Amino acid sequence: MNLTDGLDGLAAGSASYSFIAYTVIAFWAFRHPTVYGLPHALDLAVVAAAMLGSCTGFLWWNAAPARIIMGDTGALAIGAAIAGLALTTSTPLLLPSSAAST
């Protein structure tokens, strides 16, 4: 995540796809609790949707001419959110594919 931070919107744009995927995964686990056994799946879907919204808002305000800069703090937070969602949804094998897209 930190490598794509310096390019305008690349970190947020590519992370948006990962957050869309984790929103769907967590909501699917919420709808099927007996199969997946994830007790706080709806909370995870809300967190993923909030991160998706924050990345979308950043892309909106970062359109030319750019008005805000994400910096290292934002890039590290996005990377930590993707890793946290991968671990808490019990899908750590999807983490390399989401990291490859970012």
PDB file of N, CA and C in Angstrom:
ATOM      1  N   MET A   1       0.817  -1.182   0.000  1.00  0.00           N
ATOM      2  CA  MET A   1       0.000   0.000   0.000  1.00  0.00           C
ATOM      3  C   MET A   1       0.861   1.245   0.000  1.00  0.00           C
ATOM      4  N   ASN A   2       1.928   1.210   0.729  1.00  0.00           N
ATOM      5  CA  ASN A   2       2.778   2.390   0.849  1.00  0.00           C
ATOM      6  C   ASN A   2       3.482   2.703  -0.467  1.00  0.00           C
ATOM      7  N   LEU A   3       3.688   1.722  -1.317  1.00  0.00           N
ATOM      8  CA  LEU A   3       4.340   1.970  -2.603  1.00  0.00           C
ATOM      9  C   LEU A   3       3.431   2.725  -3.563  1.00  0.00           C
ATOM     10  N   THR A   4       2.122   2.497  -3.479  1.00  0.00           N
ATOM     11  CA  THR A   4       1.189   3.152  -4.390  1.00  0.00           C
ATOM     12  C   THR A   4       0.691   4.486  -3.854  1.00  0.00           C
ATOM     13  N   ASP A   5       1.145   4.870  -2.658  1.00  0.00           N
ATOM     14  CA  ASP A   5       0.650   6.090  -2.021  1.00  0.00           C
ATOM     15  C   ASP A   5       1.055   7.337  -2.793  1.00  0.00           C
ATOM     16  N   GLY A   6       2.242   7.371  -3.361  1.00  0.00           N
ATOM     17  CA  GLY A   6       2.726   8.580  -4.010  1.00  0.00           C
ATOM     18  C   GLY A   6       2.026   8.917  -5.308  1.00  0.00           C
ATOM     19  N   LEU A   7       1.378   7.955  -5.927  1.00  0.00           N
ATOM     20  CA  LEU A   7       0.673   8.205  -7.181  1.00  0.00           C
ATOM     21  C   LEU A   7      -0.740   8.660  -6.876  1.00  0.00           C
ATOM     22  N   ASP A   8      -1.222   9.641  -7.607  1.00  0.00           N
ATOM     23  CA  ASP A   8      -2.509  10.261  -7.304  1.00  0.00           C
ATOM     24  C   ASP A   8      -3.654   9.267  -7.396  1.00  0.00           C
ATOM     25  N   GLY A   9      -4.194   8.902  -6.273  1.00  0.00           N
ATOM     26  CA  GLY A   9      -5.385   8.079  -6.226  1.00  0.00           C
ATOM     27  C   GLY A   9      -5.179   6.603  -6.487  1.00  0.00           C
ATOM     28  N   LEU A  10      -3.973   6.154  -6.736  1.00  0.00           N
ATOM     29  CA  LEU A  10      -3.778   4.738  -7.044  1.00  0.00           C
ATOM     30  C   LEU A  10      -4.034   3.865  -5.824  1.00  0.00           C
ATOM     31  N   ALA A  11      -3.609   4.319  -4.667  1.00  0.00           N
ATOM     32  CA  ALA A  11      -3.820   3.527  -3.453  1.00  0.00           C
ATOM     33  C   ALA A  11      -5.309   3.413  -3.146  1.00  0.00           C
ATOM     34  N   ALA A  12      -6.021   4.522  -3.179  1.00  0.00           N
ATOM     35  CA  ALA A  12      -7.451   4.491  -2.864  1.00  0.00           C
ATOM     36  C   ALA A  12      -8.249   3.816  -3.972  1.00  0.00           C
ATOM     37  N   GLY A  13      -7.878   4.034  -5.199  1.00  0.00           N
ATOM     38  CA  GLY A  13      -8.615   3.438  -6.308  1.00  0.00           C
ATOM     39  C   GLY A  13      -8.507   1.935  -6.347  1.00  0.00           C
ATOM     40  N   SER A  14      -7.330   1.420  -6.129  1.00  0.00           N
ATOM     41  CA  SER A  14      -7.171  -0.033  -6.172  1.00  0.00           C
ATOM     42  C   SER A  14      -7.669  -0.690  -4.886  1.00  0.00           C
ATOM     43  N   ALA A  15      -7.591   0.011  -3.764  1.00  0.00           N
ATOM     44  CA  ALA A  15      -8.097  -0.553  -2.517  1.00  0.00           C
ATOM     45  C   ALA A  15      -9.624  -0.593  -2.508  1.00  0.00           C
ATOM     46  N   SER A  16     -10.257   0.253  -3.300  1.00  0.00           N
ATOM     47  CA  SER A  16     -11.718   0.260  -3.360  1.00  0.00           C
ATOM     48  C   SER A  16     -12.257  -1.094  -3.807  1.00  0.00           C
ATOM     49  N   TYR A  17     -11.583  -1.714  -4.736  1.00  0.00           N
ATOM     50  CA  TYR A  17     -12.023  -3.031  -5.212  1.00  0.00           C
ATOM     51  C   TYR A  17     -11.918  -4.078  -4.101  1.00  0.00           C
ATOM     52  N   SER A  18     -10.887  -3.993  -3.297  1.00  0.00           N
ATOM     53  CA  SER A  18     -10.761  -4.927  -2.177  1.00  0.00           C
ATOM     54  C   SER A  18     -11.856  -4.698  -1.152  1.00  0.00           C
ATOM     55  N   PHE A  19     -12.182  -3.438  -0.883  1.00  0.00           N
ATOM     56  CA  PHE A  19     -13.227  -3.149   0.096  1.00  0.00           C
ATOM     57  C   PHE A  19     -14.608  -3.550  -0.419  1.00  0.00           C
ATOM     58  N   ILE A  20     -14.829  -3.445  -1.720  1.00  0.00           N
ATOM     59  CA  ILE A  20     -16.082  -3.952  -2.290  1.00  0.00           C
ATOM     60  C   ILE A  20     -16.185  -5.459  -2.055  1.00  0.00           C
ATOM     61  N   ALA A  21     -15.094  -6.160  -2.305  1.00  0.00           N
ATOM     62  CA  ALA A  21     -15.091  -7.613  -2.122  1.00  0.00           C
ATOM     63  C   ALA A  21     -15.328  -7.992  -0.668  1.00  0.00           C
ATOM     64  N   TYR A  22     -14.676  -7.296   0.268  1.00  0.00           N
ATOM     65  CA  TYR A  22     -14.851  -7.636   1.672  1.00  0.00           C
ATOM     66  C   TYR A  22     -16.218  -7.230   2.202  1.00  0.00           C
ATOM     67  N   THR A  23     -16.839  -6.209   1.624  1.00  0.00           N
ATOM     68  CA  THR A  23     -18.215  -5.877   1.988  1.00  0.00           C
ATOM     69  C   THR A  23     -19.151  -7.012   1.597  1.00  0.00           C
ATOM     70  N   VAL A  24     -18.975  -7.525   0.399  1.00  0.00           N
ATOM     71  CA  VAL A  24     -19.809  -8.640  -0.074  1.00  0.00           C
ATOM     72  C   VAL A  24     -19.544  -9.900   0.746  1.00  0.00           C
ATOM     73  N   ILE A  25     -18.289 -10.190   1.030  1.00  0.00           N
ATOM     74  CA  ILE A  25     -17.944 -11.393   1.800  1.00  0.00           C
ATOM     75  C   ILE A  25     -18.546 -11.331   3.194  1.00  0.00           C
ATOM     76  N   ALA A  26     -18.401 -10.194   3.865  1.00  0.00           N
ATOM     77  CA  ALA A  26     -18.912 -10.086   5.234  1.00  0.00           C
ATOM     78  C   ALA A  26     -20.434 -10.102   5.262  1.00  0.00           C
ATOM     79  N   PHE A  27     -21.070  -9.449   4.299  1.00  0.00           N
ATOM     80  CA  PHE A  27     -22.532  -9.480   4.284  1.00  0.00           C
ATOM     81  C   PHE A  27     -23.047 -10.869   3.953  1.00  0.00           C
ATOM     82  N   TRP A  28     -22.354 -11.586   3.094  1.00  0.00           N
ATOM     83  CA  TRP A  28     -22.739 -12.957   2.768  1.00  0.00           C
ATOM     84  C   TRP A  28     -22.611 -13.849   4.005  1.00  0.00           C
ATOM     85  N   ALA A  29     -21.557 -13.629   4.781  1.00  0.00           N
ATOM     86  CA  ALA A  29     -21.390 -14.406   6.015  1.00  0.00           C
ATOM     87  C   ALA A  29     -22.461 -14.039   7.036  1.00  0.00           C
ATOM     88  N   PHE A  30     -22.918 -12.783   7.025  1.00  0.00           N
ATOM     89  CA  PHE A  30     -24.001 -12.378   7.914  1.00  0.00           C
ATOM     90  C   PHE A  30     -25.311 -13.054   7.532  1.00  0.00           C
ATOM     91  N   ARG A  31     -25.569 -13.189   6.246  1.00  0.00           N
ATOM     92  CA  ARG A  31     -26.812 -13.801   5.786  1.00  0.00           C
ATOM     93  C   ARG A  31     -26.835 -15.311   5.998  1.00  0.00           C
ATOM     94  N   HIS A  32     -25.678 -15.942   6.137  1.00  0.00           N
ATOM     95  CA  HIS A  32     -25.587 -17.396   6.321  1.00  0.00           C
ATOM     96  C   HIS A  32     -24.768 -17.704   7.572  1.00  0.00           C
ATOM     97  N   PRO A  33     -25.298 -17.402   8.762  1.00  0.00           N
ATOM     98  CA  PRO A  33     -24.499 -17.565   9.989  1.00  0.00           C
ATOM     99  C   PRO A  33     -24.223 -19.022  10.352  1.00  0.00           C
ATOM    100  N   THR A  34     -25.079 -19.941   9.970  1.00  0.00           N
ATOM    101  CA  THR A  34     -24.838 -21.341  10.324  1.00  0.00           C
ATOM    102  C   THR A  34     -23.712 -21.950   9.500  1.00  0.00           C
ATOM    103  N   VAL A  35     -23.497 -21.432   8.315  1.00  0.00           N
ATOM    104  CA  VAL A  35     -22.443 -21.974   7.453  1.00  0.00           C
ATOM    105  C   VAL A  35     -21.073 -21.415   7.838  1.00  0.00           C
ATOM    106  N   TYR A  36     -21.008 -20.104   8.061  1.00  0.00           N
ATOM    107  CA  TYR A  36     -19.710 -19.451   8.261  1.00  0.00           C
ATOM    108  C   TYR A  36     -19.361 -19.229   9.721  1.00  0.00           C
ATOM    109  N   GLY A  37     -20.349 -19.094  10.587  1.00  0.00           N
ATOM    110  CA  GLY A  37     -20.078 -18.956  12.015  1.00  0.00           C
ATOM    111  C   GLY A  37     -19.297 -17.710  12.383  1.00  0.00           C
ATOM    112  N   LEU A  38     -19.522 -16.638  11.690  1.00  0.00           N
ATOM    113  CA  LEU A  38     -18.837 -15.375  11.956  1.00  0.00           C
ATOM    114  C   LEU A  38     -19.781 -14.498  12.772  1.00  0.00           C
ATOM    115  N   PRO A  39     -19.498 -14.313  14.088  1.00  0.00           N
ATOM    116  CA  PRO A  39     -20.494 -13.666  14.947  1.00  0.00           C
ATOM    117  C   PRO A  39     -20.735 -12.183  14.649  1.00  0.00           C
ATOM    118  N   HIS A  40     -19.752 -11.462  14.199  1.00  0.00           N
ATOM    119  CA  HIS A  40     -19.892 -10.017  13.972  1.00  0.00           C
ATOM    120  C   HIS A  40     -19.743  -9.677  12.499  1.00  0.00           C
ATOM    121  N   ALA A  41     -20.362 -10.453  11.656  1.00  0.00           N
ATOM    122  CA  ALA A  41     -20.192 -10.278  10.214  1.00  0.00           C
ATOM    123  C   ALA A  41     -20.796  -8.973   9.715  1.00  0.00           C
ATOM    124  N   LEU A  42     -21.929  -8.565  10.259  1.00  0.00           N
ATOM    125  CA  LEU A  42     -22.540  -7.320   9.813  1.00  0.00           C
ATOM    126  C   LEU A  42     -21.686  -6.115  10.210  1.00  0.00           C
ATOM    127  N   ASP A  43     -21.064  -6.180  11.373  1.00  0.00           N
ATOM    128  CA  ASP A  43     -20.158  -5.110  11.779  1.00  0.00           C
ATOM    129  C   ASP A  43     -18.965  -5.008  10.832  1.00  0.00           C
ATOM    130  N   LEU A  44     -18.450  -6.147  10.407  1.00  0.00           N
ATOM    131  CA  LEU A  44     -17.336  -6.142   9.463  1.00  0.00           C
ATOM    132  C   LEU A  44     -17.756  -5.601   8.105  1.00  0.00           C
ATOM    133  N   ALA A  45     -18.987  -5.906   7.696  1.00  0.00           N
ATOM    134  CA  ALA A  45     -19.490  -5.357   6.434  1.00  0.00           C
ATOM    135  C   ALA A  45     -19.627  -3.843   6.516  1.00  0.00           C
ATOM    136  N   VAL A  46     -20.044  -3.339   7.664  1.00  0.00           N
ATOM    137  CA  VAL A  46     -20.156  -1.889   7.842  1.00  0.00           C
ATOM    138  C   VAL A  46     -18.779  -1.230   7.819  1.00  0.00           C
ATOM    139  N   VAL A  47     -17.800  -1.855   8.449  1.00  0.00           N
ATOM    140  CA  VAL A  47     -16.437  -1.309   8.434  1.00  0.00           C
ATOM    141  C   VAL A  47     -15.882  -1.290   7.012  1.00  0.00           C
ATOM    142  N   ALA A  48     -16.086  -2.376   6.275  1.00  0.00           N
ATOM    143  CA  ALA A  48     -15.606  -2.431   4.888  1.00  0.00           C
ATOM    144  C   ALA A  48     -16.314  -1.396   4.022  1.00  0.00           C
ATOM    145  N   ALA A  49     -17.614  -1.214   4.238  1.00  0.00           N
ATOM    146  CA  ALA A  49     -18.352  -0.206   3.467  1.00  0.00           C
ATOM    147  C   ALA A  49     -17.911   1.208   3.832  1.00  0.00           C
ATOM    148  N   ALA A  50     -17.587   1.430   5.102  1.00  0.00           N
ATOM    149  CA  ALA A  50     -17.089   2.746   5.514  1.00  0.00           C
ATOM    150  C   ALA A  50     -15.724   3.038   4.889  1.00  0.00           C
ATOM    151  N   MET A  51     -14.870   2.039   4.828  1.00  0.00           N
ATOM    152  CA  MET A  51     -13.569   2.234   4.186  1.00  0.00           C
ATOM    153  C   MET A  51     -13.738   2.460   2.688  1.00  0.00           C
ATOM    154  N   LEU A  52     -14.694   1.776   2.088  1.00  0.00           N
ATOM    155  CA  LEU A  52     -14.990   2.006   0.673  1.00  0.00           C
ATOM    156  C   LEU A  52     -15.466   3.438   0.460  1.00  0.00           C
ATOM    157  N   GLY A  53     -16.334   3.909   1.344  1.00  0.00           N
ATOM    158  CA  GLY A  53     -16.813   5.280   1.244  1.00  0.00           C
ATOM    159  C   GLY A  53     -15.712   6.305   1.447  1.00  0.00           C
ATOM    160  N   SER A  54     -14.795   6.024   2.353  1.00  0.00           N
ATOM    161  CA  SER A  54     -13.697   6.971   2.572  1.00  0.00           C
ATOM    162  C   SER A  54     -12.750   7.003   1.378  1.00  0.00           C
ATOM    163  N   CYS A  55     -12.497   5.855   0.768  1.00  0.00           N
ATOM    164  CA  CYS A  55     -11.657   5.840  -0.436  1.00  0.00           C
ATOM    165  C   CYS A  55     -12.337   6.552  -1.598  1.00  0.00           C
ATOM    166  N   THR A  56     -13.651   6.363  -1.719  1.00  0.00           N
ATOM    167  CA  THR A  56     -14.395   7.046  -2.777  1.00  0.00           C
ATOM    168  C   THR A  56     -14.405   8.551  -2.554  1.00  0.00           C
ATOM    169  N   GLY A  57     -14.578   8.980  -1.309  1.00  0.00           N
ATOM    170  CA  GLY A  57     -14.522  10.398  -0.998  1.00  0.00           C
ATOM    171  C   GLY A  57     -13.157  10.994  -1.267  1.00  0.00           C
ATOM    172  N   PHE A  58     -12.115  10.230  -0.957  1.00  0.00           N
ATOM    173  CA  PHE A  58     -10.767  10.710  -1.264  1.00  0.00           C
ATOM    174  C   PHE A  58     -10.577  10.857  -2.763  1.00  0.00           C
ATOM    175  N   LEU A  59     -11.049   9.904  -3.537  1.00  0.00           N
ATOM    176  CA  LEU A  59     -10.914  10.001  -4.987  1.00  0.00           C
ATOM    177  C   LEU A  59     -11.705  11.186  -5.539  1.00  0.00           C
ATOM    178  N   TRP A  60     -12.851  11.479  -4.938  1.00  0.00           N
ATOM    179  CA  TRP A  60     -13.656  12.620  -5.384  1.00  0.00           C
ATOM    180  C   TRP A  60     -12.917  13.930  -5.152  1.00  0.00           C
ATOM    181  N   TRP A  61     -12.349  14.087  -3.975  1.00  0.00           N
ATOM    182  CA  TRP A  61     -11.666  15.344  -3.650  1.00  0.00           C
ATOM    183  C   TRP A  61     -10.252  15.403  -4.201  1.00  0.00           C
ATOM    184  N   ASN A  62      -9.729  14.283  -4.654  1.00  0.00           N
ATOM    185  CA  ASN A  62      -8.379  14.260  -5.203  1.00  0.00           C
ATOM    186  C   ASN A  62      -8.385  14.403  -6.723  1.00  0.00           C
ATOM    187  N   ALA A  63      -9.552  14.593  -7.323  1.00  0.00           N
ATOM    188  CA  ALA A  63      -9.608  14.812  -8.772  1.00  0.00           C
ATOM    189  C   ALA A  63      -8.908  16.123  -9.107  1.00  0.00           C
ATOM    190  N   ALA A  64      -8.462  16.226 -10.327  1.00  0.00           N
ATOM    191  CA  ALA A  64      -7.679  17.395 -10.732  1.00  0.00           C
ATOM    192  C   ALA A  64      -8.474  18.681 -10.586  1.00  0.00           C
ATOM    193  N   PRO A  65      -7.968  19.696 -10.013  1.00  0.00           N
ATOM    194  CA  PRO A  65      -6.702  19.796  -9.292  1.00  0.00           C
ATOM    195  C   PRO A  65      -6.829  19.184  -7.898  1.00  0.00           C
ATOM    196  N   ALA A  66      -5.837  18.408  -7.515  1.00  0.00           N
ATOM    197  CA  ALA A  66      -5.876  17.694  -6.241  1.00  0.00           C
ATOM    198  C   ALA A  66      -5.914  18.685  -5.077  1.00  0.00           C
ATOM    199  N   ARG A  67      -6.818  18.430  -4.131  1.00  0.00           N
ATOM    200  CA  ARG A  67      -6.983  19.326  -2.995  1.00  0.00           C
ATOM    201  C   ARG A  67      -6.434  18.742  -1.704  1.00  0.00           C
ATOM    202  N   ILE A  68      -6.325  17.430  -1.628  1.00  0.00           N
ATOM    203  CA  ILE A  68      -5.841  16.792  -0.403  1.00  0.00           C
ATOM    204  C   ILE A  68      -4.802  15.739  -0.769  1.00  0.00           C
ATOM    205  N   ILE A  69      -4.003  15.383   0.208  1.00  0.00           N
ATOM    206  CA  ILE A  69      -2.959  14.379   0.031  1.00  0.00           C
ATOM    207  C   ILE A  69      -3.162  13.307   1.091  1.00  0.00           C
ATOM    208  N   MET A  70      -3.072  12.041   0.697  1.00  0.00           N
ATOM    209  CA  MET A  70      -3.285  10.957   1.638  1.00  0.00           C
ATOM    210  C   MET A  70      -2.110  10.819   2.594  1.00  0.00           C
ATOM    211  N   GLY A  71      -0.915  10.745   2.081  1.00  0.00           N
ATOM    212  CA  GLY A  71       0.262  10.587   2.925  1.00  0.00           C
ATOM    213  C   GLY A  71       0.445   9.159   3.400  1.00  0.00           C
ATOM    214  N   ASP A  72       1.507   8.961   4.164  1.00  0.00           N
ATOM    215  CA  ASP A  72       1.824   7.625   4.666  1.00  0.00           C
ATOM    216  C   ASP A  72       0.797   7.134   5.673  1.00  0.00           C
ATOM    217  N   THR A  73       0.247   8.037   6.460  1.00  0.00           N
ATOM    218  CA  THR A  73      -0.710   7.626   7.480  1.00  0.00           C
ATOM    219  C   THR A  73      -1.950   7.004   6.853  1.00  0.00           C
ATOM    220  N   GLY A  74      -2.472   7.608   5.801  1.00  0.00           N
ATOM    221  CA  GLY A  74      -3.641   7.068   5.133  1.00  0.00           C
ATOM    222  C   GLY A  74      -3.362   5.752   4.433  1.00  0.00           C
ATOM    223  N   ALA A  75      -2.208   5.667   3.786  1.00  0.00           N
ATOM    224  CA  ALA A  75      -1.863   4.433   3.080  1.00  0.00           C
ATOM    225  C   ALA A  75      -1.670   3.276   4.051  1.00  0.00           C
ATOM    226  N   LEU A  76      -1.038   3.541   5.189  1.00  0.00           N
ATOM    227  CA  LEU A  76      -0.861   2.484   6.181  1.00  0.00           C
ATOM    228  C   LEU A  76      -2.192   2.074   6.801  1.00  0.00           C
ATOM    229  N   ALA A  77      -3.104   3.022   6.979  1.00  0.00           N
ATOM    230  CA  ALA A  77      -4.419   2.685   7.524  1.00  0.00           C
ATOM    231  C   ALA A  77      -5.219   1.831   6.545  1.00  0.00           C
ATOM    232  N   ILE A  78      -5.123   2.137   5.264  1.00  0.00           N
ATOM    233  CA  ILE A  78      -5.836   1.327   4.263  1.00  0.00           C
ATOM    234  C   ILE A  78      -5.261  -0.085   4.229  1.00  0.00           C
ATOM    235  N   GLY A  79      -3.952  -0.202   4.255  1.00  0.00           N
ATOM    236  CA  GLY A  79      -3.322  -1.526   4.268  1.00  0.00           C
ATOM    237  C   GLY A  79      -3.683  -2.322   5.512  1.00  0.00           C
ATOM    238  N   ALA A  80      -3.717  -1.655   6.664  1.00  0.00           N
ATOM    239  CA  ALA A  80      -4.085  -2.335   7.906  1.00  0.00           C
ATOM    240  C   ALA A  80      -5.553  -2.748   7.888  1.00  0.00           C
ATOM    241  N   ALA A  81      -6.410  -1.929   7.292  1.00  0.00           N
ATOM    242  CA  ALA A  81      -7.831  -2.280   7.208  1.00  0.00           C
ATOM    243  C   ALA A  81      -8.044  -3.494   6.317  1.00  0.00           C
ATOM    244  N   ILE A  82      -7.337  -3.560   5.210  1.00  0.00           N
ATOM    245  CA  ILE A  82      -7.466  -4.724   4.325  1.00  0.00           C
ATOM    246  C   ILE A  82      -6.962  -5.977   5.039  1.00  0.00           C
ATOM    247  N   ALA A  83      -5.821  -5.874   5.721  1.00  0.00           N
ATOM    248  CA  ALA A  83      -5.295  -7.031   6.451  1.00  0.00           C
ATOM    249  C   ALA A  83      -6.213  -7.433   7.595  1.00  0.00           C
ATOM    250  N   GLY A  84      -6.754  -6.443   8.304  1.00  0.00           N
ATOM    251  CA  GLY A  84      -7.663  -6.747   9.403  1.00  0.00           C
ATOM    252  C   GLY A  84      -8.942  -7.418   8.927  1.00  0.00           C
ATOM    253  N   LEU A  85      -9.492  -6.937   7.825  1.00  0.00           N
ATOM    254  CA  LEU A  85     -10.696  -7.565   7.281  1.00  0.00           C
ATOM    255  C   LEU A  85     -10.412  -8.979   6.793  1.00  0.00           C
ATOM    256  N   ALA A  86      -9.242  -9.191   6.227  1.00  0.00           N
ATOM    257  CA  ALA A  86      -8.901 -10.539   5.766  1.00  0.00           C
ATOM    258  C   ALA A  86      -8.793 -11.503   6.939  1.00  0.00           C
ATOM    259  N   LEU A  87      -8.219 -11.050   8.036  1.00  0.00           N
ATOM    260  CA  LEU A  87      -8.067 -11.938   9.185  1.00  0.00           C
ATOM    261  C   LEU A  87      -9.373 -12.151   9.935  1.00  0.00           C
ATOM    262  N   THR A  88     -10.177 -11.109  10.090  1.00  0.00           N
ATOM    263  CA  THR A  88     -11.408 -11.260  10.872  1.00  0.00           C
ATOM    264  C   THR A  88     -12.526 -11.954  10.102  1.00  0.00           C
ATOM    265  N   THR A  89     -12.484 -11.928   8.776  1.00  0.00           N
ATOM    266  CA  THR A  89     -13.481 -12.675   8.001  1.00  0.00           C
ATOM    267  C   THR A  89     -13.021 -14.099   7.713  1.00  0.00           C
ATOM    268  N   SER A  90     -11.890 -14.480   8.243  1.00  0.00           N
ATOM    269  CA  SER A  90     -11.318 -15.823   8.071  1.00  0.00           C
ATOM    270  C   SER A  90     -11.051 -16.131   6.598  1.00  0.00           C
ATOM    271  N   THR A  91     -10.582 -15.116   5.871  1.00  0.00           N
ATOM    272  CA  THR A  91     -10.210 -15.300   4.467  1.00  0.00           C
ATOM    273  C   THR A  91      -8.781 -14.818   4.235  1.00  0.00           C
ATOM    274  N   PRO A  92      -7.808 -15.329   4.997  1.00  0.00           N
ATOM    275  CA  PRO A  92      -6.439 -14.837   4.806  1.00  0.00           C
ATOM    276  C   PRO A  92      -5.832 -15.246   3.470  1.00  0.00           C
ATOM    277  N   LEU A  93      -6.387 -16.266   2.824  1.00  0.00           N
ATOM    278  CA  LEU A  93      -5.847 -16.662   1.523  1.00  0.00           C
ATOM    279  C   LEU A  93      -6.210 -15.671   0.425  1.00  0.00           C
ATOM    280  N   LEU A  94      -7.219 -14.820   0.659  1.00  0.00           N
ATOM    281  CA  LEU A  94      -7.554 -13.779  -0.309  1.00  0.00           C
ATOM    282  C   LEU A  94      -6.656 -12.549  -0.177  1.00  0.00           C
ATOM    283  N   LEU A  95      -5.911 -12.468   0.914  1.00  0.00           N
ATOM    284  CA  LEU A  95      -5.069 -11.294   1.147  1.00  0.00           C
ATOM    285  C   LEU A  95      -3.998 -11.110   0.079  1.00  0.00           C
ATOM    286  N   PRO A  96      -3.309 -12.156  -0.394  1.00  0.00           N
ATOM    287  CA  PRO A  96      -2.335 -11.922  -1.463  1.00  0.00           C
ATOM    288  C   PRO A  96      -2.979 -11.419  -2.764  1.00  0.00           C
ATOM    289  N   SER A  97      -4.189 -11.873  -3.067  1.00  0.00           N
ATOM    290  CA  SER A  97      -4.820 -11.382  -4.297  1.00  0.00           C
ATOM    291  C   SER A  97      -5.279  -9.936  -4.152  1.00  0.00           C
ATOM    292  N   SER A  98      -5.720  -9.536  -2.960  1.00  0.00           N
ATOM    293  CA  SER A  98      -6.101  -8.142  -2.782  1.00  0.00           C
ATOM    294  C   SER A  98      -4.872  -7.261  -2.690  1.00  0.00           C
ATOM    295  N   ALA A  99      -3.769  -7.790  -2.171  1.00  0.00           N
ATOM    296  CA  ALA A  99      -2.541  -7.004  -2.119  1.00  0.00           C
ATOM    297  C   ALA A  99      -1.933  -6.863  -3.508  1.00  0.00           C
ATOM    298  N   ALA A 100      -2.156  -7.853  -4.361  1.00  0.00           N
ATOM    299  CA  ALA A 100      -1.635  -7.751  -5.722  1.00  0.00           C
ATOM    300  C   ALA A 100      -2.383  -6.706  -6.526  1.00  0.00           C
ATOM    301  N   SER A 101      -3.660  -6.495  -6.174  1.00  0.00           N
ATOM    302  CA  SER A 101      -4.419  -5.484  -6.909  1.00  0.00           C
ATOM    303  C   SER A 101      -4.091  -4.084  -6.443  1.00  0.00           C
ATOM    304  N   THR A 102      -3.500  -3.953  -5.240  1.00  0.00           N
ATOM    305  CA  THR A 102      -3.177  -2.612  -4.733  1.00  0.00           C
ATOM    306  C   THR A 102      -1.774  -2.229  -5.038  1.00  0.00           C
TER     307      THR A 102
END
